[in-house]
PDB file of N, CA and C in Angstrom:
ATOM      1  N   UNK A   1     -46.905  78.438   4.482  1.00  0.00           N
ATOM      2  CA  UNK A   1     -45.735  77.702   3.918  1.00  0.00           C
ATOM      3  C   UNK A   1     -46.336  76.702   2.984  1.00  0.00           C
ATOM      4  N   UNK A   2     -46.026  76.926   1.837  1.00  0.00           N
ATOM      5  CA  UNK A   2     -46.597  75.639   0.837  1.00  0.00           C
ATOM      6  C   UNK A   2     -45.345  75.552  -0.059  1.00  0.00           C
ATOM      7  N   UNK A   3     -45.668  74.337  -0.795  1.00  0.00           N
ATOM      8  CA  UNK A   3     -44.823  74.136  -1.943  1.00  0.00           C
ATOM      9  C   UNK A   3     -44.828  75.187  -3.161  1.00  0.00           C
ATOM     10  N   UNK A   4     -45.905  75.903  -3.095  1.00  0.00           N
ATOM     11  CA  UNK A   4     -46.187  77.134  -3.968  1.00  0.00           C
ATOM     12  C   UNK A   4     -45.250  78.264  -3.693  1.00  0.00           C
ATOM     13  N   UNK A   5     -44.546  78.277  -2.550  1.00  0.00           N
ATOM     14  CA  UNK A   5     -43.741  79.405  -2.066  1.00  0.00           C
ATOM     15  C   UNK A   5     -42.690  79.696  -2.940  1.00  0.00           C
ATOM     16  N   UNK A   6     -42.677  81.096  -3.382  1.00  0.00           N
ATOM     17  CA  UNK A   6     -41.275  81.161  -4.185  1.00  0.00           C
ATOM     18  C   UNK A   6     -40.396  81.969  -3.547  1.00  0.00           C
ATOM     19  N   UNK A   7     -39.159  81.490  -3.695  1.00  0.00           N
ATOM     20  CA  UNK A   7     -37.805  81.998  -2.937  1.00  0.00           C
ATOM     21  C   UNK A   7     -37.491  83.483  -3.741  1.00  0.00           C
ATOM     22  N   UNK A   8     -37.237  84.267  -2.554  1.00  0.00           N
ATOM     23  CA  UNK A   8     -36.760  85.549  -2.993  1.00  0.00           C
ATOM     24  C   UNK A   8     -35.183  85.346  -3.396  1.00  0.00           C
ATOM     25  N   UNK A   9     -34.576  85.985  -4.192  1.00  0.00           N
ATOM     26  CA  UNK A   9     -33.213  85.968  -4.536  1.00  0.00           C
ATOM     27  C   UNK A   9     -32.414  85.930  -3.293  1.00  0.00           C
ATOM     28  N   UNK A  10     -31.621  84.867  -3.204  1.00  0.00           N
ATOM     29  CA  UNK A  10     -30.689  84.876  -1.898  1.00  0.00           C
ATOM     30  C   UNK A  10     -31.288  84.190  -0.704  1.00  0.00           C
ATOM     31  N   UNK A  11     -32.540  83.984  -0.714  1.00  0.00           N
ATOM     32  CA  UNK A  11     -33.118  83.355   0.555  1.00  0.00           C
ATOM     33  C   UNK A  11     -32.822  81.829   0.647  1.00  0.00           C
ATOM     34  N   UNK A  12     -32.881  81.524   1.939  1.00  0.00           N
ATOM     35  CA  UNK A  12     -32.567  79.982   2.063  1.00  0.00           C
ATOM     36  C   UNK A  12     -33.886  79.233   1.739  1.00  0.00           C
ATOM     37  N   UNK A  13     -33.656  77.923   1.494  1.00  0.00           N
ATOM     38  CA  UNK A  13     -34.773  77.246   1.098  1.00  0.00           C
ATOM     39  C   UNK A  13     -34.610  75.942   1.896  1.00  0.00           C
ATOM     40  N   UNK A  14     -35.801  75.605   2.784  1.00  0.00           N
ATOM     41  CA  UNK A  14     -36.095  74.505   3.387  1.00  0.00           C
ATOM     42  C   UNK A  14     -37.117  73.626   2.910  1.00  0.00           C
ATOM     43  N   UNK A  15     -36.987  72.157   3.006  1.00  0.00           N
ATOM     44  CA  UNK A  15     -37.963  71.370   2.356  1.00  0.00           C
ATOM     45  C   UNK A  15     -38.575  70.461   3.624  1.00  0.00           C
ATOM     46  N   UNK A  16     -39.575  70.670   3.857  1.00  0.00           N
ATOM     47  CA  UNK A  16     -40.177  69.591   5.063  1.00  0.00           C
ATOM     48  C   UNK A  16     -41.139  68.737   4.147  1.00  0.00           C
ATOM     49  N   UNK A  17     -40.482  67.331   4.465  1.00  0.00           N
ATOM     50  CA  UNK A  17     -41.187  66.068   3.810  1.00  0.00           C
ATOM     51  C   UNK A  17     -42.210  65.695   4.822  1.00  0.00           C
ATOM     52  N   UNK A  18     -43.299  65.735   4.422  1.00  0.00           N
ATOM     53  CA  UNK A  18     -44.743  65.502   5.515  1.00  0.00           C
ATOM     54  C   UNK A  18     -45.420  64.460   4.917  1.00  0.00           C
ATOM     55  N   UNK A  19     -46.641  64.253   5.551  1.00  0.00           N
ATOM     56  CA  UNK A  19     -47.753  63.583   5.085  1.00  0.00           C
ATOM     57  C   UNK A  19     -48.893  64.045   5.858  1.00  0.00           C
ATOM     58  N   UNK A  20     -50.262  63.701   5.231  1.00  0.00           N
ATOM     59  CA  UNK A  20     -51.459  63.878   5.659  1.00  0.00           C
ATOM     60  C   UNK A  20     -51.615  63.249   6.929  1.00  0.00           C
ATOM     61  N   UNK A  21     -52.330  63.805   8.050  1.00  0.00           N
ATOM     62  CA  UNK A  21     -52.583  62.922   9.196  1.00  0.00           C
ATOM     63  C   UNK A  21     -51.387  62.353   9.956  1.00  0.00           C
ATOM     64  N   UNK A  22     -50.436  63.301  10.057  1.00  0.00           N
ATOM     65  CA  UNK A  22     -49.070  62.905  10.841  1.00  0.00           C
ATOM     66  C   UNK A  22     -49.005  64.123  11.512  1.00  0.00           C
ATOM     67  N   UNK A  23     -49.254  63.882  13.050  1.00  0.00           N
ATOM     68  CA  UNK A  23     -49.263  65.028  13.982  1.00  0.00           C
ATOM     69  C   UNK A  23     -47.766  65.505  14.119  1.00  0.00           C
ATOM     70  N   UNK A  24     -46.600  64.588  14.095  1.00  0.00           N
ATOM     71  CA  UNK A  24     -45.374  65.129  14.054  1.00  0.00           C
ATOM     72  C   UNK A  24     -45.071  65.954  12.993  1.00  0.00           C
ATOM     73  N   UNK A  25     -45.509  65.645  11.722  1.00  0.00           N
ATOM     74  CA  UNK A  25     -45.358  66.889  10.532  1.00  0.00           C
ATOM     75  C   UNK A  25     -46.128  67.910  11.213  1.00  0.00           C
ATOM     76  N   UNK A  26     -47.432  68.171  11.507  1.00  0.00           N
ATOM     77  CA  UNK A  26     -47.991  69.332  11.804  1.00  0.00           C
ATOM     78  C   UNK A  26     -47.143  70.083  13.014  1.00  0.00           C
ATOM     79  N   UNK A  27     -46.500  69.199  14.104  1.00  0.00           N
ATOM     80  CA  UNK A  27     -45.849  69.969  15.241  1.00  0.00           C
ATOM     81  C   UNK A  27     -44.468  70.602  14.428  1.00  0.00           C
ATOM     82  N   UNK A  28     -43.908  69.851  13.634  1.00  0.00           N
ATOM     83  CA  UNK A  28     -42.782  70.497  13.115  1.00  0.00           C
ATOM     84  C   UNK A  28     -42.886  71.666  12.272  1.00  0.00           C
ATOM     85  N   UNK A  29     -44.082  71.625  11.593  1.00  0.00           N
ATOM     86  CA  UNK A  29     -44.468  72.717  10.536  1.00  0.00           C
ATOM     87  C   UNK A  29     -44.655  73.868  11.560  1.00  0.00           C
ATOM     88  N   UNK A  30     -45.238  73.715  12.541  1.00  0.00           N
ATOM     89  CA  UNK A  30     -45.670  74.954  13.435  1.00  0.00           C
ATOM     90  C   UNK A  30     -44.369  75.254  14.260  1.00  0.00           C
ATOM     91  N   UNK A  31     -43.541  74.471  14.603  1.00  0.00           N
ATOM     92  CA  UNK A  31     -42.345  74.908  15.352  1.00  0.00           C
ATOM     93  C   UNK A  31     -41.194  75.730  14.377  1.00  0.00           C
ATOM     94  N   UNK A  32     -41.330  75.256  13.033  1.00  0.00           N
ATOM     95  CA  UNK A  32     -40.460  75.701  11.821  1.00  0.00           C
ATOM     96  C   UNK A  32     -40.603  77.248  11.638  1.00  0.00           C
ATOM     97  N   UNK A  33     -42.047  77.272  11.519  1.00  0.00           N
ATOM     98  CA  UNK A  33     -42.569  78.614  10.790  1.00  0.00           C
ATOM     99  C   UNK A  33     -41.817  79.774  11.545  1.00  0.00           C
ATOM    100  N   UNK A  34     -41.922  79.895  12.922  1.00  0.00           N
ATOM    101  CA  UNK A  34     -41.335  81.345  13.210  1.00  0.00           C
ATOM    102  C   UNK A  34     -39.743  81.473  12.926  1.00  0.00           C
ATOM    103  N   UNK A  35     -38.997  80.377  13.165  1.00  0.00           N
ATOM    104  CA  UNK A  35     -37.681  80.101  12.854  1.00  0.00           C
ATOM    105  C   UNK A  35     -37.443  80.457  11.438  1.00  0.00           C
ATOM    106  N   UNK A  36     -38.045  80.043  10.721  1.00  0.00           N
ATOM    107  CA  UNK A  36     -37.987  80.283   9.211  1.00  0.00           C
ATOM    108  C   UNK A  36     -38.168  81.759   8.861  1.00  0.00           C
ATOM    109  N   UNK A  37     -39.247  82.423   9.251  1.00  0.00           N
ATOM    110  CA  UNK A  37     -39.723  83.582   9.136  1.00  0.00           C
ATOM    111  C   UNK A  37     -38.637  84.620   9.667  1.00  0.00           C
ATOM    112  N   UNK A  38     -38.024  84.127  10.898  1.00  0.00           N
ATOM    113  CA  UNK A  38     -37.145  84.964  11.485  1.00  0.00           C
ATOM    114  C   UNK A  38     -35.795  85.144  10.510  1.00  0.00           C
ATOM    115  N   UNK A  39     -35.428  84.211   9.654  1.00  0.00           N
ATOM    116  CA  UNK A  39     -34.279  84.113   9.035  1.00  0.00           C
ATOM    117  C   UNK A  39     -34.621  84.452   7.545  1.00  0.00           C
ATOM    118  N   UNK A  40     -35.829  84.600   7.071  1.00  0.00           N
ATOM    119  CA  UNK A  40     -36.238  84.858   5.826  1.00  0.00           C
ATOM    120  C   UNK A  40     -36.298  83.589   4.984  1.00  0.00           C
ATOM    121  N   UNK A  41     -36.282  82.520   5.421  1.00  0.00           N
ATOM    122  CA  UNK A  41     -36.165  81.244   4.512  1.00  0.00           C
ATOM    123  C   UNK A  41     -37.846  80.956   4.057  1.00  0.00           C
ATOM    124  N   UNK A  42     -37.461  80.231   2.848  1.00  0.00           N
ATOM    125  CA  UNK A  42     -38.793  79.895   2.272  1.00  0.00           C
ATOM    126  C   UNK A  42     -38.841  78.138   2.625  1.00  0.00           C
ATOM    127  N   UNK A  43     -39.999  77.901   2.778  1.00  0.00           N
ATOM    128  CA  UNK A  43     -40.248  76.330   3.367  1.00  0.00           C
ATOM    129  C   UNK A  43     -41.328  75.754   2.332  1.00  0.00           C
ATOM    130  N   UNK A  44     -40.626  74.747   1.779  1.00  0.00           N
ATOM    131  CA  UNK A  44     -41.559  73.950   0.675  1.00  0.00           C
ATOM    132  C   UNK A  44     -42.124  72.786   1.402  1.00  0.00           C
ATOM    133  N   UNK A  45     -43.478  72.358   1.315  1.00  0.00           N
ATOM    134  CA  UNK A  45     -43.839  71.219   2.171  1.00  0.00           C
ATOM    135  C   UNK A  45     -44.199  70.191   1.113  1.00  0.00           C
ATOM    136  N   UNK A  46     -43.763  69.109   1.113  1.00  0.00           N
ATOM    137  CA  UNK A  46     -43.813  68.164   0.038  1.00  0.00           C
ATOM    138  C   UNK A  46     -44.464  66.889   0.934  1.00  0.00           C
ATOM    139  N   UNK A  47     -45.705  66.454   0.344  1.00  0.00           N
ATOM    140  CA  UNK A  47     -46.417  65.044   1.015  1.00  0.00           C
ATOM    141  C   UNK A  47     -45.674  63.912   0.359  1.00  0.00           C
ATOM    142  N   UNK A  48     -44.889  62.974   0.961  1.00  0.00           N
ATOM    143  CA  UNK A  48     -44.114  62.096   0.546  1.00  0.00           C
ATOM    144  C   UNK A  48     -45.036  61.161  -0.139  1.00  0.00           C
ATOM    145  N   UNK A  49     -46.321  60.955   0.191  1.00  0.00           N
ATOM    146  CA  UNK A  49     -47.404  60.059  -0.477  1.00  0.00           C
ATOM    147  C   UNK A  49     -47.714  60.454  -1.705  1.00  0.00           C
ATOM    148  N   UNK A  50     -47.305  61.730  -2.323  1.00  0.00           N
ATOM    149  CA  UNK A  50     -47.665  62.096  -3.552  1.00  0.00           C
ATOM    150  C   UNK A  50     -46.412  61.714  -4.388  1.00  0.00           C
ATOM    151  N   UNK A  51     -45.347  61.388  -3.924  1.00  0.00           N
ATOM    152  CA  UNK A  51     -44.103  61.083  -4.720  1.00  0.00           C
ATOM    153  C   UNK A  51     -43.720  59.494  -4.402  1.00  0.00           C
ATOM    154  N   UNK A  52     -43.737  58.699  -5.369  1.00  0.00           N
ATOM    155  CA  UNK A  52     -43.119  57.283  -5.242  1.00  0.00           C
ATOM    156  C   UNK A  52     -41.652  57.351  -4.700  1.00  0.00           C
ATOM    157  N   UNK A  53     -40.930  58.100  -5.324  1.00  0.00           N
ATOM    158  CA  UNK A  53     -39.385  57.915  -4.965  1.00  0.00           C
ATOM    159  C   UNK A  53     -39.286  58.487  -3.579  1.00  0.00           C
ATOM    160  N   UNK A  54     -39.912  59.498  -3.147  1.00  0.00           N
ATOM    161  CA  UNK A  54     -39.665  60.043  -1.813  1.00  0.00           C
ATOM    162  C   UNK A  54     -40.391  59.155  -0.876  1.00  0.00           C
ATOM    163  N   UNK A  55     -41.331  58.540  -1.028  1.00  0.00           N
ATOM    164  CA  UNK A  55     -42.161  57.579  -0.280  1.00  0.00           C
ATOM    165  C   UNK A  55     -41.248  56.251  -0.168  1.00  0.00           C
ATOM    166  N   UNK A  56     -40.593  55.779  -1.210  1.00  0.00           N
ATOM    167  CA  UNK A  56     -39.970  54.622  -1.106  1.00  0.00           C
ATOM    168  C   UNK A  56     -38.484  55.106  -0.242  1.00  0.00           C
ATOM    169  N   UNK A  57     -38.073  56.169  -0.309  1.00  0.00           N
ATOM    170  CA  UNK A  57     -36.835  56.689   0.462  1.00  0.00           C
ATOM    171  C   UNK A  57     -37.164  56.680   1.812  1.00  0.00           C
ATOM    172  N   UNK A  58     -38.126  57.567   2.303  1.00  0.00           N
ATOM    173  CA  UNK A  58     -38.478  57.931   3.528  1.00  0.00           C
ATOM    174  C   UNK A  58     -39.316  56.985   4.225  1.00  0.00           C
ATOM    175  N   UNK A  59     -40.236  56.455   3.625  1.00  0.00           N
ATOM    176  CA  UNK A  59     -41.154  55.520   4.263  1.00  0.00           C
ATOM    177  C   UNK A  59     -41.852  56.367   5.536  1.00  0.00           C
ATOM    178  N   UNK A  60     -41.807  55.616   6.397  1.00  0.00           N
ATOM    179  CA  UNK A  60     -42.542  56.008   7.999  1.00  0.00           C
ATOM    180  C   UNK A  60     -41.393  57.052   8.507  1.00  0.00           C
ATOM    181  N   UNK A  61     -40.409  57.324   7.873  1.00  0.00           N
ATOM    182  CA  UNK A  61     -39.631  58.526   8.529  1.00  0.00           C
ATOM    183  C   UNK A  61     -39.789  59.639   8.344  1.00  0.00           C
ATOM    184  N   UNK A  62     -40.913  60.317   8.674  1.00  0.00           N
ATOM    185  CA  UNK A  62     -41.191  61.466   8.527  1.00  0.00           C
ATOM    186  C   UNK A  62     -41.946  62.232   9.705  1.00  0.00           C
ATOM    187  N   UNK A  63     -41.810  63.527   9.828  1.00  0.00           N
ATOM    188  CA  UNK A  63     -41.482  64.358   8.940  1.00  0.00           C
ATOM    189  C   UNK A  63     -39.874  64.351   8.760  1.00  0.00           C
ATOM    190  N   UNK A  64     -39.265  65.089   7.850  1.00  0.00           N
ATOM    191  CA  UNK A  64     -37.766  65.206   7.541  1.00  0.00           C
ATOM    192  C   UNK A  64     -37.892  66.567   7.115  1.00  0.00           C
ATOM    193  N   UNK A  65     -36.837  67.406   7.578  1.00  0.00           N
ATOM    194  CA  UNK A  65     -36.550  68.677   7.390  1.00  0.00           C
ATOM    195  C   UNK A  65     -35.192  68.618   6.468  1.00  0.00           C
ATOM    196  N   UNK A  66     -35.254  69.193   5.438  1.00  0.00           N
ATOM    197  CA  UNK A  66     -34.083  69.200   4.506  1.00  0.00           C
ATOM    198  C   UNK A  66     -33.555  70.758   4.302  1.00  0.00           C
ATOM    199  N   UNK A  67     -32.337  70.820   4.260  1.00  0.00           N
ATOM    200  CA  UNK A  67     -31.658  72.293   3.865  1.00  0.00           C
ATOM    201  C   UNK A  67     -31.649  72.260   2.359  1.00  0.00           C
ATOM    202  N   UNK A  68     -32.282  72.818   1.518  1.00  0.00           N
ATOM    203  CA  UNK A  68     -32.321  72.513   0.135  1.00  0.00           C
ATOM    204  C   UNK A  68     -33.594  71.695  -0.404  1.00  0.00           C
ATOM    205  N   UNK A  69     -33.462  70.910  -1.340  1.00  0.00           N
ATOM    206  CA  UNK A  69     -34.489  70.490  -2.260  1.00  0.00           C
ATOM    207  C   UNK A  69     -34.236  68.736  -1.567  1.00  0.00           C
ATOM    208  N   UNK A  70     -35.323  67.883  -2.051  1.00  0.00           N
ATOM    209  CA  UNK A  70     -35.028  66.603  -1.651  1.00  0.00           C
ATOM    210  C   UNK A  70     -33.903  66.060  -3.009  1.00  0.00           C
ATOM    211  N   UNK A  71     -33.814  66.482  -4.007  1.00  0.00           N
ATOM    212  CA  UNK A  71     -32.696  66.166  -4.908  1.00  0.00           C
ATOM    213  C   UNK A  71     -31.337  66.447  -4.501  1.00  0.00           C
ATOM    214  N   UNK A  72     -31.045  67.673  -3.891  1.00  0.00           N
ATOM    215  CA  UNK A  72     -29.873  68.129  -3.406  1.00  0.00           C
ATOM    216  C   UNK A  72     -29.513  68.454  -1.932  1.00  0.00           C
ATOM    217  N   UNK A  73     -30.678  68.428  -1.152  1.00  0.00           N
ATOM    218  CA  UNK A  73     -30.731  68.589   0.408  1.00  0.00           C
ATOM    219  C   UNK A  73     -29.789  67.996   1.168  1.00  0.00           C
ATOM    220  N   UNK A  74     -29.606  68.373   2.356  1.00  0.00           N
ATOM    221  CA  UNK A  74     -28.947  67.912   3.294  1.00  0.00           C
ATOM    222  C   UNK A  74     -29.867  67.866   4.700  1.00  0.00           C
ATOM    223  N   UNK A  75     -30.185  66.642   5.032  1.00  0.00           N
ATOM    224  CA  UNK A  75     -31.049  66.419   6.175  1.00  0.00           C
ATOM    225  C   UNK A  75     -30.567  67.151   7.602  1.00  0.00           C
ATOM    226  N   UNK A  76     -31.518  67.921   7.828  1.00  0.00           N
ATOM    227  CA  UNK A  76     -31.263  68.624   9.143  1.00  0.00           C
ATOM    228  C   UNK A  76     -31.736  67.889  10.389  1.00  0.00           C
ATOM    229  N   UNK A  77     -32.939  67.276  10.075  1.00  0.00           N
ATOM    230  CA  UNK A  77     -33.573  66.599  11.414  1.00  0.00           C
ATOM    231  C   UNK A  77     -34.591  65.900  10.988  1.00  0.00           C
ATOM    232  N   UNK A  78     -35.146  64.878  11.859  1.00  0.00           N
ATOM    233  CA  UNK A  78     -36.325  64.085  11.407  1.00  0.00           C
ATOM    234  C   UNK A  78     -37.067  63.774  12.805  1.00  0.00           C
ATOM    235  N   UNK A  79     -38.593  63.791  12.586  1.00  0.00           N
ATOM    236  CA  UNK A  79     -39.383  63.522  13.676  1.00  0.00           C
ATOM    237  C   UNK A  79     -39.626  64.717  14.530  1.00  0.00           C
ATOM    238  N   UNK A  80     -38.597  65.277  15.202  1.00  0.00           N
ATOM    239  CA  UNK A  80     -38.580  66.722  15.907  1.00  0.00           C
ATOM    240  C   UNK A  80     -37.770  67.658  15.204  1.00  0.00           C
ATOM    241  N   UNK A  81     -38.321  68.829  15.596  1.00  0.00           N
ATOM    242  CA  UNK A  81     -37.526  69.992  15.201  1.00  0.00           C
ATOM    243  C   UNK A  81     -35.987  70.114  15.893  1.00  0.00           C
ATOM    244  N   UNK A  82     -34.895  70.158  15.234  1.00  0.00           N
ATOM    245  CA  UNK A  82     -33.659  70.517  15.720  1.00  0.00           C
ATOM    246  C   UNK A  82     -33.265  71.872  15.667  1.00  0.00           C
ATOM    247  N   UNK A  83     -33.921  72.520  16.580  1.00  0.00           N
ATOM    248  CA  UNK A  83     -33.812  74.296  16.439  1.00  0.00           C
ATOM    249  C   UNK A  83     -32.298  74.572  16.121  1.00  0.00           C
ATOM    250  N   UNK A  84     -31.301  74.084  16.948  1.00  0.00           N
ATOM    251  CA  UNK A  84     -29.925  74.663  16.804  1.00  0.00           C
ATOM    252  C   UNK A  84     -29.523  74.038  15.282  1.00  0.00           C
ATOM    253  N   UNK A  85     -29.796  72.990  14.827  1.00  0.00           N
ATOM    254  CA  UNK A  85     -29.195  72.562  13.652  1.00  0.00           C
ATOM    255  C   UNK A  85     -30.065  73.607  12.560  1.00  0.00           C
ATOM    256  N   UNK A  86     -31.116  73.885  12.603  1.00  0.00           N
ATOM    257  CA  UNK A  86     -31.769  74.686  11.677  1.00  0.00           C
ATOM    258  C   UNK A  86     -31.342  75.876  11.623  1.00  0.00           C
ATOM    259  N   UNK A  87     -31.054  76.516  12.868  1.00  0.00           N
ATOM    260  CA  UNK A  87     -30.507  77.845  12.965  1.00  0.00           C
ATOM    261  C   UNK A  87     -29.060  78.048  12.462  1.00  0.00           C
ATOM    262  N   UNK A  88     -28.436  76.971  12.702  1.00  0.00           N
ATOM    263  CA  UNK A  88     -26.807  76.786  12.106  1.00  0.00           C
ATOM    264  C   UNK A  88     -26.874  76.993  10.486  1.00  0.00           C
ATOM    265  N   UNK A  89     -27.813  75.932  10.110  1.00  0.00           N
ATOM    266  CA  UNK A  89     -27.931  76.156   8.401  1.00  0.00           C
ATOM    267  C   UNK A  89     -28.342  77.340   7.761  1.00  0.00           C
ATOM    268  N   UNK A  90     -29.556  77.775   8.376  1.00  0.00           N
ATOM    269  CA  UNK A  90     -29.860  79.331   8.017  1.00  0.00           C
ATOM    270  C   UNK A  90     -28.995  80.350   8.168  1.00  0.00           C
ATOM    271  N   UNK A  91     -28.026  80.373   9.270  1.00  0.00           N
ATOM    272  CA  UNK A  91     -27.219  81.485   9.445  1.00  0.00           C
ATOM    273  C   UNK A  91     -25.761  81.112   8.559  1.00  0.00           C
ATOM    274  N   UNK A  92     -25.695  79.903   8.242  1.00  0.00           N
ATOM    275  CA  UNK A  92     -24.666  79.616   7.243  1.00  0.00           C
ATOM    276  C   UNK A  92     -24.980  79.970   5.792  1.00  0.00           C
ATOM    277  N   UNK A  93     -26.150  80.051   5.354  1.00  0.00           N
ATOM    278  CA  UNK A  93     -26.685  80.392   4.049  1.00  0.00           C
ATOM    279  C   UNK A  93     -27.058  81.751   4.028  1.00  0.00           C
ATOM    280  N   UNK A  94     -26.786  82.603   4.963  1.00  0.00           N
ATOM    281  CA  UNK A  94     -26.999  84.221   4.984  1.00  0.00           C
ATOM    282  C   UNK A  94     -25.992  84.876   4.489  1.00  0.00           C
TER     283      UNK A  94
END
């Protein structure tokens, strides 16, 4: 799952705001992968340290998982994956 992933028509899009050397980010990405795959969702991973606006907005509060994009997304969880919240969001987008 990378920022280069291309969404198929009608598939849900999640955005994982992350950073290098972040063990919580790695854990959330690993826990999210099978859930996203099961729902056919596309996950874009964005390193907040490469985007000044995102770094200013989220600072040390990463990882953050959004339903949608940083511009229009809704925060589903941060620090730890909330499986129930993500499953609800993915089911609602189906």
